[in-house]
Amino acid sequence: MRSRRNFVVLTVALASVLFLTACPSRTNIGKIVSDPSRYLDKEVGIAGRVEDSYGIPFVGGAYKLDDGTGEMWVVSRRGGVPSRGAQVGAKGRVYNGFSFGGRNFGTVLEEQDRKIK
């Protein structure tokens, strides 16, 4: 009986560790924009309100999220983008567009998953 309980506890602990390490932590957009090289090509999660969006049906599009600390464009390859004012959580990888004069322009999140509240 005791070994069965230990097995169940060990299994639950292992499953929790695997589940929690697979989920990216939510990051403030302000932190990403202020130091994009730290997050470059890493998976992060952000959330905020959609300020602007442009979509092409069946192709994808882009939308700008604002979380109060900053704004960031999210590029989506899925058909459709959320409308202005929607509360959205997005998960994906951070990429830089280009740098000029020591400033980064075009830091974007390439969306892998999205949740709309």
C-alpha atoms as a PDB file:
ATOM      1  CA  MET A   1       0.000   0.000   0.000  1.00  0.00           C
ATOM      2  CA  ARG A   2       2.798   2.386   0.906  1.00  0.00           C
ATOM      3  CA  SER A   3       4.715   1.744  -2.333  1.00  0.00           C
ATOM      4  CA  ARG A   4       1.566   2.422  -4.350  1.00  0.00           C
ATOM      5  CA  ARG A   5       1.105   5.777  -2.609  1.00  0.00           C
ATOM      6  CA  ASN A   6       4.769   6.663  -3.224  1.00  0.00           C
ATOM      7  CA  PHE A   7       4.354   5.745  -6.892  1.00  0.00           C
ATOM      8  CA  VAL A   8       1.285   8.004  -7.229  1.00  0.00           C
ATOM      9  CA  VAL A   9       3.025  10.909  -5.480  1.00  0.00           C
ATOM     10  CA  LEU A  10       6.118  10.510  -7.660  1.00  0.00           C
ATOM     11  CA  THR A  11       4.022  10.329 -10.830  1.00  0.00           C
ATOM     12  CA  VAL A  12       2.059  13.488  -9.943  1.00  0.00           C
ATOM     13  CA  ALA A  13       5.266  15.356  -9.051  1.00  0.00           C
ATOM     14  CA  LEU A  14       6.943  14.357 -12.313  1.00  0.00           C
ATOM     15  CA  ALA A  15       3.898  15.304 -14.386  1.00  0.00           C
ATOM     16  CA  SER A  16       3.726  18.704 -12.626  1.00  0.00           C
ATOM     17  CA  VAL A  17       7.386  19.419 -13.340  1.00  0.00           C
ATOM     18  CA  LEU A  18       6.999  18.527 -17.026  1.00  0.00           C
ATOM     19  CA  PHE A  19       3.820  20.585 -17.364  1.00  0.00           C
ATOM     20  CA  LEU A  20       5.219  23.679 -15.640  1.00  0.00           C
ATOM     21  CA  THR A  21       8.493  23.672 -17.574  1.00  0.00           C
ATOM     22  CA  ALA A  22       6.629  23.486 -20.901  1.00  0.00           C
ATOM     23  CA  CYS A  23       4.686  26.706 -20.274  1.00  0.00           C
ATOM     24  CA  PRO A  24       6.441  30.014 -20.845  1.00  0.00           C
ATOM     25  CA  SER A  25       6.096  32.517 -18.047  1.00  0.00           C
ATOM     26  CA  ARG A  26       4.187  35.713 -18.707  1.00  0.00           C
ATOM     27  CA  THR A  27       6.559  38.582 -19.391  1.00  0.00           C
ATOM     28  CA  ASN A  28       5.936  42.328 -19.360  1.00  0.00           C
ATOM     29  CA  ILE A  29       6.134  43.841 -22.824  1.00  0.00           C
ATOM     30  CA  GLY A  30       8.174  46.722 -21.386  1.00  0.00           C
ATOM     31  CA  LYS A  31      10.920  44.300 -20.346  1.00  0.00           C
ATOM     32  CA  ILE A  32      11.031  42.696 -23.785  1.00  0.00           C
ATOM     33  CA  VAL A  33      11.136  46.023 -25.634  1.00  0.00           C
ATOM     34  CA  SER A  34      13.797  47.510 -23.348  1.00  0.00           C
ATOM     35  CA  ASP A  35      16.161  44.511 -23.725  1.00  0.00           C
ATOM     36  CA  PRO A  36      15.081  42.457 -26.767  1.00  0.00           C
ATOM     37  CA  SER A  37      18.422  40.629 -27.051  1.00  0.00           C
ATOM     38  CA  ARG A  38      17.681  38.886 -23.733  1.00  0.00           C
ATOM     39  CA  TYR A  39      14.482  37.383 -25.169  1.00  0.00           C
ATOM     40  CA  LEU A  40      15.653  36.918 -28.766  1.00  0.00           C
ATOM     41  CA  ASP A  41      14.474  33.584 -30.218  1.00  0.00           C
ATOM     42  CA  LYS A  42      13.066  32.510 -26.833  1.00  0.00           C
ATOM     43  CA  GLU A  43       9.494  31.481 -26.140  1.00  0.00           C
ATOM     44  CA  VAL A  44       7.582  33.964 -23.986  1.00  0.00           C
ATOM     45  CA  GLY A  45       4.008  34.692 -23.049  1.00  0.00           C
ATOM     46  CA  ILE A  46       2.479  38.174 -23.118  1.00  0.00           C
ATOM     47  CA  ALA A  47      -1.009  39.492 -22.503  1.00  0.00           C
ATOM     48  CA  GLY A  48      -2.775  42.780 -23.039  1.00  0.00           C
ATOM     49  CA  ARG A  49      -5.367  44.729 -24.966  1.00  0.00           C
ATOM     50  CA  VAL A  50      -5.334  44.841 -28.764  1.00  0.00           C
ATOM     51  CA  GLU A  51      -4.615  48.425 -29.880  1.00  0.00           C
ATOM     52  CA  ASP A  52      -4.531  47.818 -33.623  1.00  0.00           C
ATOM     53  CA  SER A  53      -4.835  44.847 -35.973  1.00  0.00           C
ATOM     54  CA  TYR A  54      -4.423  44.023 -39.640  1.00  0.00           C
ATOM     55  CA  GLY A  55      -5.457  40.689 -41.050  1.00  0.00           C
ATOM     56  CA  ILE A  56      -5.631  38.861 -44.337  1.00  0.00           C
ATOM     57  CA  PRO A  57      -8.174  36.008 -44.286  1.00  0.00           C
ATOM     58  CA  PHE A  58      -6.645  32.523 -44.524  1.00  0.00           C
ATOM     59  CA  VAL A  59      -3.120  34.003 -44.519  1.00  0.00           C
ATOM     60  CA  GLY A  60      -2.557  35.668 -41.146  1.00  0.00           C
ATOM     61  CA  GLY A  61      -1.837  39.193 -40.043  1.00  0.00           C
ATOM     62  CA  ALA A  62      -0.532  41.239 -37.155  1.00  0.00           C
ATOM     63  CA  TYR A  63      -1.907  42.950 -34.077  1.00  0.00           C
ATOM     64  CA  LYS A  64      -0.411  45.324 -31.509  1.00  0.00           C
ATOM     65  CA  LEU A  65      -0.754  44.407 -27.822  1.00  0.00           C
ATOM     66  CA  ASP A  66      -0.510  46.921 -24.970  1.00  0.00           C
ATOM     67  CA  ASP A  67      -0.120  45.635 -21.405  1.00  0.00           C
ATOM     68  CA  GLY A  68       0.405  49.018 -19.729  1.00  0.00           C
ATOM     69  CA  THR A  69       4.206  48.666 -19.677  1.00  0.00           C
ATOM     70  CA  GLY A  70       4.676  48.878 -23.435  1.00  0.00           C
ATOM     71  CA  GLU A  71       3.392  47.899 -26.853  1.00  0.00           C
ATOM     72  CA  MET A  72       4.473  45.056 -29.121  1.00  0.00           C
ATOM     73  CA  TRP A  73       3.395  43.738 -32.493  1.00  0.00           C
ATOM     74  CA  VAL A  74       2.375  40.088 -32.678  1.00  0.00           C
ATOM     75  CA  VAL A  75       2.635  38.381 -36.063  1.00  0.00           C
ATOM     76  CA  SER A  76       0.164  35.577 -36.721  1.00  0.00           C
ATOM     77  CA  ARG A  77       0.344  33.048 -39.539  1.00  0.00           C
ATOM     78  CA  ARG A  78      -3.124  31.733 -38.737  1.00  0.00           C
ATOM     79  CA  GLY A  79      -6.143  33.099 -40.530  1.00  0.00           C
ATOM     80  CA  GLY A  80      -7.712  35.992 -38.673  1.00  0.00           C
ATOM     81  CA  VAL A  81      -6.509  38.314 -35.938  1.00  0.00           C
ATOM     82  CA  PRO A  82      -8.329  39.598 -32.846  1.00  0.00           C
ATOM     83  CA  SER A  83     -10.224  42.870 -33.140  1.00  0.00           C
ATOM     84  CA  ARG A  84      -9.324  46.163 -31.485  1.00  0.00           C
ATOM     85  CA  GLY A  85     -10.114  46.226 -27.760  1.00  0.00           C
ATOM     86  CA  ALA A  86      -9.967  42.448 -27.230  1.00  0.00           C
ATOM     87  CA  GLN A  87      -8.040  41.115 -24.223  1.00  0.00           C
ATOM     88  CA  VAL A  88      -5.540  38.605 -25.589  1.00  0.00           C
ATOM     89  CA  GLY A  89      -2.819  36.329 -24.285  1.00  0.00           C
ATOM     90  CA  ALA A  90      -0.209  35.255 -26.830  1.00  0.00           C
ATOM     91  CA  LYS A  91       2.646  32.767 -26.667  1.00  0.00           C
ATOM     92  CA  GLY A  92       5.499  32.678 -29.147  1.00  0.00           C
ATOM     93  CA  ARG A  93       9.098  33.556 -30.010  1.00  0.00           C
ATOM     94  CA  VAL A  94      10.628  37.038 -29.985  1.00  0.00           C
ATOM     95  CA  TYR A  95      12.420  38.319 -33.094  1.00  0.00           C
ATOM     96  CA  ASN A  96      14.092  41.634 -34.003  1.00  0.00           C
ATOM     97  CA  GLY A  97      13.382  43.480 -37.196  1.00  0.00           C
ATOM     98  CA  PHE A  98      16.455  45.702 -37.515  1.00  0.00           C
ATOM     99  CA  SER A  99      18.746  47.993 -35.493  1.00  0.00           C
ATOM    100  CA  PHE A 100      19.814  51.532 -36.375  1.00  0.00           C
ATOM    101  CA  GLY A 101      21.831  53.980 -34.285  1.00  0.00           C
ATOM    102  CA  GLY A 102      21.808  51.679 -31.262  1.00  0.00           C
ATOM    103  CA  ARG A 103      18.002  51.381 -31.234  1.00  0.00           C
ATOM    104  CA  ASN A 104      15.981  48.304 -32.087  1.00  0.00           C
ATOM    105  CA  PHE A 105      13.048  48.676 -34.438  1.00  0.00           C
ATOM    106  CA  GLY A 106      10.553  46.008 -35.184  1.00  0.00           C
ATOM    107  CA  THR A 107      10.769  43.732 -32.142  1.00  0.00           C
ATOM    108  CA  VAL A 108       7.881  41.310 -32.706  1.00  0.00           C
ATOM    109  CA  LEU A 109       6.438  38.148 -31.252  1.00  0.00           C
ATOM    110  CA  GLU A 110       5.766  35.371 -33.750  1.00  0.00           C
ATOM    111  CA  GLU A 111       2.582  33.822 -32.393  1.00  0.00           C
ATOM    112  CA  GLN A 112       2.412  30.090 -31.713  1.00  0.00           C
ATOM    113  CA  ASP A 113      -0.724  30.112 -29.555  1.00  0.00           C
ATOM    114  CA  ARG A 114      -3.408  32.644 -28.577  1.00  0.00           C
ATOM    115  CA  LYS A 115      -6.148  32.910 -25.980  1.00  0.00           C
ATOM    116  CA  ILE A 116      -8.861  35.559 -26.049  1.00  0.00           C
ATOM    117  CA  LYS A 117     -10.672  36.498 -22.859  1.00  0.00           C
END
